[in-house]
């Protein structure tokens, strides 16, 4: 791989005697990895030969030939395919259970789903992405993983800050960057790189962080990360946060292979951690953890009012006839779509793609549950369950959109693979009518 000349010069200055080992790492094979969804309680196939990712207790390297994206567990949201180094930033927040958390630059959803996993279905996570196409990918991934406490927004940091000042306990900013750490995995990032690019990115990163600072409570935790090596976008940004924005370093527990920040200032060193591809099995990554010490403006966000109308009654009837569980949160109705919020914050005038749990749609003939809702549920939550083995032809048959034969009574049925929900079917006289979304069906 021919690296840009100016990039090579920068890395020689940064790594010194380690530079040759760094360059040699570009000839190493790229390790594939996945991160498990705790909600799904799945055991990975033995033939995948999984080994743990040191810095993430749910992360595993997989056999290159295992092709996990083709396995039904991927359709069921049992795991997220994520590069190992990218799992580091979402491990840094000290406490996220029951908190209000923002992932400000969230697409495609790896770090958001990892934080949601750590939240254990408590609190509220807002996952935001400014690019509308990438925001839809983010929303789709969060629905597949089945976390009930997530709102997906498609907004600018400025508009979010205007609405949610002083609202969050934890904010993750995985900032747009020059992408130097991804040269090996994504050569197109190298094609876009030029010597002035890190400086341009650093300016944009500060603009994003100013907005994040407005939304973070006093005493709240900020996690800042990039997938680049440049000090301008990494330690220099952290130094700016400490010296000019009033942040203090947060304690970071480092595992083998994770380095401190590269800085003459001890506070900056301690706040930061780096992953280099010649030291660990992962691409280049940077993360920092800091605490806000300055006062925040009081949040002006209003509380959403509980819905009480035809849509709610239709869902309650659906619940009674088909489920063994009862929803306890706040219902929100948008046109004929019904949603549920664990934290009833009103986000009016913002572009929202996913408003908590999407229960489904109220139609003339009754209530139709959404595919997303099937992934929030567990097998025991449904009155009618049709369980398929992941290795059986019937699982692939269902994922292609075909009907199944059954001896279940009529009604909505949760179709599972190895006891993990895949989607809905509707039993009609011994046949499960397939409700797996057409856009997700296997070819």
Protein backbone atom coordinates (compact mmCIF):
# COMPACT_ATOMS: atom_id res chain seq x y z
CA UNK A 1 0.00 0.00 0.00
CA UNK A 2 1.47 3.35 -1.07
CA UNK A 3 0.86 5.84 1.72
CA UNK A 4 0.73 9.61 1.07
CA UNK A 5 4.18 11.13 1.42
CA UNK A 6 3.14 13.85 3.87
CA UNK A 7 1.22 11.30 5.95
CA UNK A 8 4.36 9.18 6.19
CA UNK A 9 6.33 12.23 7.33
CA UNK A 10 3.75 13.01 10.03
CA UNK A 11 3.73 9.44 11.30
CA UNK A 12 7.55 9.29 11.44
CA UNK A 13 7.50 12.36 13.69
CA UNK A 14 4.70 10.90 15.81
CA UNK A 15 5.99 7.34 16.25
CA UNK A 16 9.76 7.72 15.80
CA UNK A 17 11.43 4.32 16.40
CA UNK A 18 8.06 2.54 16.08
CA UNK A 19 7.44 3.83 12.58
CA UNK A 20 8.80 0.79 10.73
CA UNK A 21 6.60 -1.56 12.75
CA UNK A 22 3.63 0.72 12.03
CA UNK A 23 4.21 0.59 8.27
CA UNK A 24 4.68 -3.18 8.39
CA UNK A 25 1.22 -3.50 10.01
CA UNK A 26 -0.37 -2.51 6.69
CA UNK A 27 0.60 -5.95 5.38
CA UNK A 28 -1.21 -7.72 8.23
CA UNK A 29 -4.63 -9.27 7.48
CA UNK A 30 -7.61 -7.27 8.76
CA UNK A 31 -9.38 -8.97 11.67
CA UNK A 32 -13.16 -9.25 11.44
CA UNK A 33 -15.09 -8.81 14.68
CA UNK A 34 -18.58 -8.66 16.13
CA UNK A 35 -20.18 -7.38 19.32
CA UNK A 36 -22.95 -9.32 21.07
CA UNK A 37 -26.35 -7.93 22.03
CA UNK A 38 -26.88 -8.75 25.71
CA UNK A 39 -30.66 -8.64 25.25
CA UNK A 40 -30.57 -11.65 22.92
CA UNK A 41 -28.61 -14.06 25.16
CA UNK A 42 -27.06 -15.97 22.26
CA UNK A 43 -24.22 -18.49 22.09
CA UNK A 44 -22.00 -18.04 19.06
CA UNK A 45 -21.37 -21.02 16.73
CA UNK A 46 -18.21 -22.95 17.65
CA UNK A 47 -16.98 -22.94 14.07
CA UNK A 48 -16.58 -19.15 14.19
CA UNK A 49 -13.56 -19.66 16.48
CA UNK A 50 -14.29 -16.48 18.41
CA UNK A 51 -11.65 -14.87 20.63
CA UNK A 52 -12.30 -11.90 22.96
CA UNK A 53 -11.58 -8.28 22.10
CA UNK A 54 -9.53 -7.14 25.14
CA UNK A 55 -11.21 -3.77 25.67
CA UNK A 56 -14.85 -4.83 25.14
CA UNK A 57 -16.48 -7.58 27.21
CA UNK A 58 -19.05 -8.31 24.48
CA UNK A 59 -16.64 -8.01 21.53
CA UNK A 60 -15.14 -10.98 19.68
CA UNK A 61 -12.80 -11.53 16.78
CA UNK A 62 -14.24 -14.06 14.32
CA UNK A 63 -12.87 -16.52 11.83
CA UNK A 64 -12.53 -14.73 8.45
CA UNK A 65 -14.46 -17.58 6.81
CA UNK A 66 -17.39 -17.47 9.25
CA UNK A 67 -19.36 -14.79 7.34
CA UNK A 68 -21.52 -13.77 10.34
CA UNK A 69 -23.49 -11.26 8.25
CA UNK A 70 -25.08 -14.20 6.42
CA UNK A 71 -26.21 -15.93 9.63
CA UNK A 72 -29.84 -15.61 10.85
CA UNK A 73 -28.53 -14.25 14.17
CA UNK A 74 -27.55 -11.09 12.29
CA UNK A 75 -31.13 -10.65 11.02
CA UNK A 76 -32.33 -11.21 14.59
CA UNK A 77 -30.08 -8.44 15.97
CA UNK A 78 -28.11 -10.85 18.14
CA UNK A 79 -24.86 -9.09 17.27
CA UNK A 80 -23.47 -6.05 15.50
CA UNK A 81 -20.60 -6.36 13.02
CA UNK A 82 -18.13 -3.77 14.26
CA UNK A 83 -14.41 -3.16 13.86
CA UNK A 84 -12.70 -3.99 17.14
CA UNK A 85 -10.99 -0.62 17.71
CA UNK A 86 -14.32 1.18 17.19
CA UNK A 87 -15.64 -0.66 20.27
CA UNK A 88 -13.32 1.33 22.55
CA UNK A 89 -15.07 4.76 22.91
CA UNK A 90 -18.43 3.38 24.08
CA UNK A 91 -16.70 1.50 26.91
CA UNK A 92 -15.44 4.76 28.45
CA UNK A 93 -18.63 6.30 29.94
CA UNK A 94 -18.48 5.39 33.62
CA UNK A 95 -22.20 5.05 34.24
CA UNK A 96 -24.97 5.09 31.63
CA UNK A 97 -27.76 3.11 33.33
CA UNK A 98 -30.80 5.29 33.81
CA UNK A 99 -29.03 8.29 32.27
CA UNK A 100 -29.82 10.62 29.39
CA UNK A 101 -27.19 9.95 26.74
CA UNK A 102 -26.49 11.53 23.34
CA UNK A 103 -24.49 10.01 20.50
CA UNK A 104 -24.13 13.15 18.42
CA UNK A 105 -22.52 11.72 15.25
CA UNK A 106 -24.02 8.26 15.43
CA UNK A 107 -24.25 6.59 12.00
CA UNK A 108 -24.07 3.76 11.19
CA UNK A 109 -24.92 2.82 14.79
CA UNK A 110 -22.11 0.69 16.19
CA UNK A 111 -21.30 2.95 19.13
CA UNK A 112 -24.97 3.86 19.72
CA UNK A 113 -26.01 0.21 19.94
CA UNK A 114 -23.05 -0.50 22.22
CA UNK A 115 -24.07 2.30 24.59
CA UNK A 116 -27.71 1.16 24.46
CA UNK A 117 -26.52 -2.34 25.34
CA UNK A 118 -24.74 -0.97 28.41
CA UNK A 119 -27.84 1.02 29.43
CA UNK A 120 -29.80 -2.24 29.85
CA UNK A 121 -33.06 -0.74 28.57
CA UNK A 122 -33.03 2.11 31.10
CA UNK A 123 -32.78 5.88 30.64
CA UNK A 124 -32.84 7.52 27.21
CA UNK A 125 -30.41 7.45 24.31
CA UNK A 126 -30.72 9.95 21.48
CA UNK A 127 -28.73 8.83 18.45
CA UNK A 128 -28.27 11.65 15.95
CA UNK A 129 -26.91 11.80 12.42
CA UNK A 130 -26.80 14.93 10.25
CA UNK A 131 -26.72 13.08 6.90
CA UNK A 132 -30.22 11.87 6.05
CA UNK A 133 -29.14 8.76 4.13
CA UNK A 134 -26.81 7.66 6.91
CA UNK A 135 -29.50 8.54 9.48
CA UNK A 136 -31.88 6.02 7.89
CA UNK A 137 -29.14 3.37 8.07
CA UNK A 138 -28.66 4.28 11.74
CA UNK A 139 -32.38 3.95 12.42
CA UNK A 140 -32.54 0.58 10.68
CA UNK A 141 -29.61 -0.76 12.69
CA UNK A 142 -31.06 0.42 15.99
CA UNK A 143 -34.39 -1.22 15.18
CA UNK A 144 -32.66 -4.49 14.25
CA UNK A 145 -30.85 -4.52 17.59
CA UNK A 146 -34.16 -4.03 19.42
CA UNK A 147 -33.37 -1.41 22.06
CA UNK A 148 -36.59 0.20 23.39
CA UNK A 149 -35.13 3.41 24.86
CA UNK A 150 -33.63 4.97 21.70
CA UNK A 151 -34.74 8.01 19.72
CA UNK A 152 -33.06 8.52 16.32
CA UNK A 153 -32.83 12.11 15.06
CA UNK A 154 -31.61 13.62 11.80
CA UNK A 155 -30.48 17.07 12.88
CA UNK A 156 -27.58 19.51 12.96
CA UNK A 157 -25.72 19.79 16.28
CA UNK A 158 -26.80 23.45 16.44
CA UNK A 159 -30.54 22.68 16.24
CA UNK A 160 -30.22 19.94 18.84
CA UNK A 161 -28.33 22.31 21.15
CA UNK A 162 -31.01 24.98 20.76
CA UNK A 163 -33.63 22.44 21.88
CA UNK A 164 -31.77 20.35 24.48
CA UNK A 165 -29.45 22.70 26.34
CA UNK A 166 -28.16 21.16 29.57
CA UNK A 167 -30.18 17.98 28.97
CA UNK A 168 -27.66 15.11 28.87
CA UNK A 169 -25.64 13.27 31.50
CA UNK A 170 -23.31 11.69 28.91
CA UNK A 171 -22.42 12.76 25.36
CA UNK A 172 -20.36 10.80 22.85
CA UNK A 173 -18.90 12.74 19.94
CA UNK A 174 -17.37 10.31 17.44
CA UNK A 175 -16.33 13.22 15.28
CA UNK A 176 -15.98 13.36 11.50
CA UNK A 177 -12.22 13.21 10.92
CA UNK A 178 -9.47 12.74 8.36
CA UNK A 179 -9.82 8.96 8.68
CA UNK A 180 -6.12 8.12 8.81
CA UNK A 181 -6.74 5.12 11.03
CA UNK A 182 -8.90 3.53 8.34
CA UNK A 183 -6.39 3.67 5.45
CA UNK A 184 -5.76 -0.08 5.64
CA UNK A 185 -9.45 -1.05 5.78
CA UNK A 186 -10.86 1.69 3.54
CA UNK A 187 -8.34 2.81 0.89
CA UNK A 188 -10.77 5.49 -0.35
CA UNK A 189 -10.06 7.39 2.90
CA UNK A 190 -6.42 7.57 1.82
CA UNK A 191 -7.43 8.91 -1.60
CA UNK A 192 -9.31 11.81 0.04
CA UNK A 193 -6.46 12.69 2.39
CA UNK A 194 -4.23 15.71 1.91
CA UNK A 195 -1.79 17.51 4.21
CA UNK A 196 -4.22 20.27 5.18
CA UNK A 197 -7.12 17.90 5.85
CA UNK A 198 -6.46 17.32 9.60
CA UNK A 199 -6.48 21.07 10.24
CA UNK A 200 -9.77 21.46 8.35
CA UNK A 201 -11.29 18.59 10.32
CA UNK A 202 -10.08 20.00 13.65
CA UNK A 203 -11.93 23.25 13.01
CA UNK A 204 -15.16 21.34 12.28
CA UNK A 205 -14.66 19.15 15.36
CA UNK A 206 -14.46 22.21 17.61
CA UNK A 207 -17.70 23.55 16.13
CA UNK A 208 -19.43 20.26 16.92
CA UNK A 209 -17.99 20.17 20.44
CA UNK A 210 -19.20 23.69 21.20
CA UNK A 211 -22.73 22.42 20.55
CA UNK A 212 -22.13 19.27 22.59
CA UNK A 213 -20.90 21.41 25.48
CA UNK A 214 -24.16 23.35 25.49
CA UNK A 215 -26.17 20.12 25.78
CA UNK A 216 -24.09 18.53 28.56
CA UNK A 217 -24.99 19.05 32.20
CA UNK A 218 -22.47 20.37 34.69
CA UNK A 219 -20.67 17.29 35.99
CA UNK A 220 -21.63 15.35 32.86
CA UNK A 221 -19.21 13.16 30.95
CA UNK A 222 -17.98 13.87 27.42
CA UNK A 223 -16.39 11.10 25.36
CA UNK A 224 -14.61 12.34 22.26
CA UNK A 225 -13.28 9.94 19.62
CA UNK A 226 -11.88 9.78 16.10
CA UNK A 227 -10.46 7.16 13.75
CA UNK A 228 -7.39 9.21 12.90
CA UNK A 229 -3.79 9.56 14.11
CA UNK A 230 -3.23 13.32 13.79
CA UNK A 231 -2.55 15.24 17.01
CA UNK A 232 -4.43 18.24 15.61
CA UNK A 233 -7.67 16.22 15.73
CA UNK A 234 -6.90 14.28 18.89
CA UNK A 235 -4.71 15.52 21.76
CA UNK A 236 -4.82 19.14 20.56
CA UNK A 237 -8.63 19.04 20.69
CA UNK A 238 -8.52 17.57 24.19
CA UNK A 239 -6.06 20.25 25.30
CA UNK A 240 -8.48 22.88 23.98
CA UNK A 241 -11.35 21.27 25.92
CA UNK A 242 -9.31 21.29 29.13
CA UNK A 243 -7.65 24.69 28.84
CA UNK A 244 -10.40 26.74 27.20
CA UNK A 245 -13.68 24.89 27.83
CA UNK A 246 -13.13 24.01 31.49
CA UNK A 247 -13.12 20.21 31.27
CA UNK A 248 -11.11 17.92 33.53
CA UNK A 249 -9.74 14.46 32.65
CA UNK A 250 -11.77 11.40 33.59
CA UNK A 251 -10.15 8.21 34.83
CA UNK A 252 -9.55 5.67 32.05
CA UNK A 253 -8.78 2.00 32.72
CA UNK A 254 -6.49 0.83 29.92
CA UNK A 255 -6.04 -2.79 28.86
CA UNK A 256 -2.95 -4.25 27.20
CA UNK A 257 -2.09 -2.51 23.94
CA UNK A 258 -4.03 0.71 24.58
CA UNK A 259 -1.66 3.67 24.83
CA UNK A 260 -1.92 6.99 26.63
CA UNK A 261 -2.27 10.20 24.68
CA UNK A 262 0.77 11.74 23.00
CA UNK A 263 1.28 15.05 24.75
CA UNK A 264 3.69 16.88 27.02
CA UNK A 265 0.77 17.76 29.28
CA UNK A 266 0.04 15.01 31.78
CA UNK A 267 -3.64 15.95 32.04
CA UNK A 268 -4.03 15.48 28.31
CA UNK A 269 -2.14 12.18 28.37
CA UNK A 270 -4.35 10.82 31.12
CA UNK A 271 -7.60 11.84 29.43
CA UNK A 272 -6.71 10.08 26.16
CA UNK A 273 -6.14 6.61 24.81
CA UNK A 274 -4.89 5.43 21.44
CA UNK A 275 -5.01 2.20 19.46
CA UNK A 276 -2.30 1.58 16.87
CA UNK A 277 -2.49 -1.29 14.35
CA UNK A 278 1.11 -2.35 14.99
CA UNK A 279 0.35 -2.80 18.70
CA UNK A 280 -3.12 -4.44 18.69
CA UNK A 281 -5.47 -6.33 16.40
CA UNK A 282 -7.44 -3.30 15.28
CA UNK A 283 -7.40 -0.22 13.09
CA UNK A 284 -6.21 3.19 14.28
CA UNK A 285 -8.47 4.82 16.87
CA UNK A 286 -8.42 7.59 19.48
CA UNK A 287 -10.71 8.30 22.42
CA UNK A 288 -10.79 10.68 25.36
CA UNK A 289 -12.96 10.95 28.46
CA UNK A 290 -13.60 14.27 30.22
CA UNK A 291 -15.94 15.82 32.77
CA UNK A 292 -17.64 19.19 32.38
CA UNK A 293 -17.05 21.58 35.29
CA UNK A 294 -18.77 24.74 34.07
CA UNK A 295 -22.46 25.57 34.70
CA UNK A 296 -25.11 24.66 32.12
CA UNK A 297 -28.21 26.50 31.06
CA UNK A 298 -31.40 24.87 32.41
CA UNK A 299 -33.05 22.56 29.92
CA UNK A 300 -36.22 23.89 28.29
CA UNK A 301 -37.40 20.58 26.82
CA UNK A 302 -41.04 19.82 27.66
CA UNK A 303 -42.62 16.56 28.70
CA UNK A 304 -44.62 14.68 26.07
CA UNK A 305 -48.26 14.24 27.02
CA UNK A 306 -49.54 10.65 27.12
CA UNK A 307 -51.71 9.70 24.15
CA UNK A 308 -55.21 8.53 24.87
CA UNK A 309 -57.07 7.69 21.72
CA UNK A 310 -58.03 5.03 19.21
CA UNK A 311 -54.44 4.01 18.48
CA UNK A 312 -53.69 3.24 22.13
CA UNK A 313 -56.90 1.26 22.58
CA UNK A 314 -56.15 -0.74 19.43
CA UNK A 315 -52.70 -1.60 20.76
CA UNK A 316 -54.03 -2.55 24.19
CA UNK A 317 -56.42 -4.98 22.49
CA UNK A 318 -53.52 -6.38 20.44
CA UNK A 319 -51.51 -6.78 23.64
CA UNK A 320 -54.33 -8.61 25.41
CA UNK A 321 -54.94 -11.01 22.52
CA UNK A 322 -51.34 -11.75 21.52
CA UNK A 323 -48.82 -10.91 24.26
CA UNK A 324 -47.96 -11.87 27.83
CA UNK A 325 -46.51 -8.45 28.63
CA UNK A 326 -47.94 -4.99 29.32
CA UNK A 327 -46.17 -1.77 28.27
CA UNK A 328 -45.69 0.69 31.15
CA UNK A 329 -44.23 3.78 29.41
CA UNK A 330 -45.76 6.80 27.68
CA UNK A 331 -47.58 6.34 24.36
CA UNK A 332 -46.99 8.82 21.55
CA UNK A 333 -49.10 8.90 18.37
CA UNK A 334 -47.80 10.31 15.09
CA UNK A 335 -50.61 10.19 12.51
CA UNK A 336 -51.62 6.49 12.58
CA UNK A 337 -48.31 5.23 14.01
CA UNK A 338 -47.98 4.37 17.71
CA UNK A 339 -44.72 4.76 19.65
CA UNK A 340 -43.61 4.31 23.24
CA UNK A 341 -41.22 6.46 25.27
CA UNK A 342 -39.49 5.43 28.47
CA UNK A 343 -38.44 9.08 28.97
CA UNK A 344 -41.34 11.26 27.86
CA UNK A 345 -39.36 14.21 26.49
CA UNK A 346 -41.13 16.27 23.82
CA UNK A 347 -38.87 16.81 20.81
CA UNK A 348 -41.18 18.91 18.68
CA UNK A 349 -39.78 20.75 15.64
CA UNK A 350 -36.94 18.24 15.31
CA UNK A 351 -36.61 15.68 12.53
CA UNK A 352 -37.16 12.32 14.24
CA UNK A 353 -36.79 9.01 12.42
CA UNK A 354 -37.38 6.68 15.34
CA UNK A 355 -39.35 7.78 18.38
CA UNK A 356 -38.61 5.12 21.01
CA UNK A 357 -40.45 1.83 20.43
CA UNK A 358 -42.45 1.73 17.22
CA UNK A 359 -45.35 -0.50 18.24
CA UNK A 360 -47.07 -0.45 14.87
CA UNK A 361 -49.83 0.99 12.72
CA UNK A 362 -53.54 1.48 13.33
CA UNK A 363 -55.47 0.45 10.23
CA UNK A 364 -59.14 -0.04 9.38
CA UNK A 365 -59.03 -3.77 10.13
CA UNK A 366 -57.18 -3.30 13.44
CA UNK A 367 -53.64 -2.97 14.76
CA UNK A 368 -50.61 -4.21 12.77
CA UNK A 369 -47.43 -4.62 14.84
CA UNK A 370 -44.19 -3.25 13.39
CA UNK A 371 -41.20 -5.41 12.56
CA UNK A 372 -39.14 -3.23 14.93
CA UNK A 373 -41.43 -4.18 17.83
CA UNK A 374 -40.77 -7.89 17.27
CA UNK A 375 -37.08 -7.25 17.98
CA UNK A 376 -37.85 -5.49 21.28
CA UNK A 377 -39.74 -8.53 22.56
CA UNK A 378 -38.45 -11.81 23.95
CA UNK A 379 -39.84 -15.22 23.13
CA UNK A 380 -41.70 -15.48 26.43
CA UNK A 381 -43.50 -12.18 25.78
CA UNK A 382 -45.67 -13.69 23.02
CA UNK A 383 -48.66 -15.98 23.42
CA UNK A 384 -47.93 -17.71 20.10
CA UNK A 385 -44.34 -18.56 19.16
CA UNK A 386 -43.01 -20.57 16.22
CA UNK A 387 -39.38 -21.41 16.88
CA UNK A 388 -37.04 -22.45 14.06
CA UNK A 389 -33.52 -23.79 14.22
CA UNK A 390 -30.96 -21.39 12.75
CA UNK A 391 -29.50 -24.27 10.76
CA UNK A 392 -32.82 -25.37 9.25
CA UNK A 393 -34.08 -24.59 5.76
CA UNK A 394 -37.28 -23.23 7.33
CA UNK A 395 -35.41 -20.26 8.79
CA UNK A 396 -34.10 -19.21 5.38
CA UNK A 397 -37.54 -19.96 3.90
CA UNK A 398 -39.11 -17.50 6.37
CA UNK A 399 -36.43 -14.86 5.76
CA UNK A 400 -37.24 -15.04 2.05
CA UNK A 401 -40.83 -14.08 2.84
CA UNK A 402 -42.55 -17.44 2.47
CA UNK A 403 -45.37 -18.94 4.53
CA UNK A 404 -44.93 -21.69 7.14
CA UNK A 405 -47.21 -24.51 8.22
CA UNK A 406 -48.15 -24.62 11.89
CA UNK A 407 -50.48 -26.13 14.48
CA UNK A 408 -50.79 -22.86 16.41
CA UNK A 409 -54.19 -21.21 16.95
CA UNK A 410 -55.10 -18.15 14.85
CA UNK A 411 -53.54 -14.80 15.75
CA UNK A 412 -50.27 -12.95 15.62
CA UNK A 413 -47.23 -15.17 16.07
CA UNK A 414 -43.61 -14.33 16.98
CA UNK A 415 -41.30 -16.26 14.64
CA UNK A 416 -37.94 -17.05 16.28
CA UNK A 417 -34.64 -18.65 15.39
CA UNK A 418 -33.05 -20.59 18.27
CA UNK A 419 -35.51 -18.74 20.53
CA UNK A 420 -34.43 -15.27 19.29
CA UNK A 421 -37.24 -13.25 17.62
CA UNK A 422 -36.88 -12.75 13.86
CA UNK A 423 -40.22 -11.11 13.05
CA UNK A 424 -43.98 -11.49 12.89
CA UNK A 425 -46.26 -13.95 11.24
CA UNK A 426 -50.04 -14.17 11.36
CA UNK A 427 -51.57 -17.59 11.85
CA UNK A 428 -54.63 -18.25 9.70
CA UNK A 429 -56.04 -21.78 9.73
CA UNK A 430 -52.74 -23.65 10.05
CA UNK A 431 -50.61 -21.27 7.94
CA UNK A 432 -48.25 -18.59 9.19
CA UNK A 433 -48.66 -15.64 6.82
CA UNK A 434 -45.25 -14.00 6.52
CA UNK A 435 -44.89 -10.39 7.74
CA UNK A 436 -41.13 -10.13 7.39
CA UNK A 437 -40.52 -6.74 5.68
CA UNK A 438 -40.10 -6.99 1.93
CA UNK A 439 -37.07 -4.70 1.96
CA UNK A 440 -35.23 -7.04 4.35
CA UNK A 441 -36.07 -10.35 2.75
CA UNK A 442 -33.31 -12.63 1.53
CA UNK A 443 -33.04 -13.19 -2.21
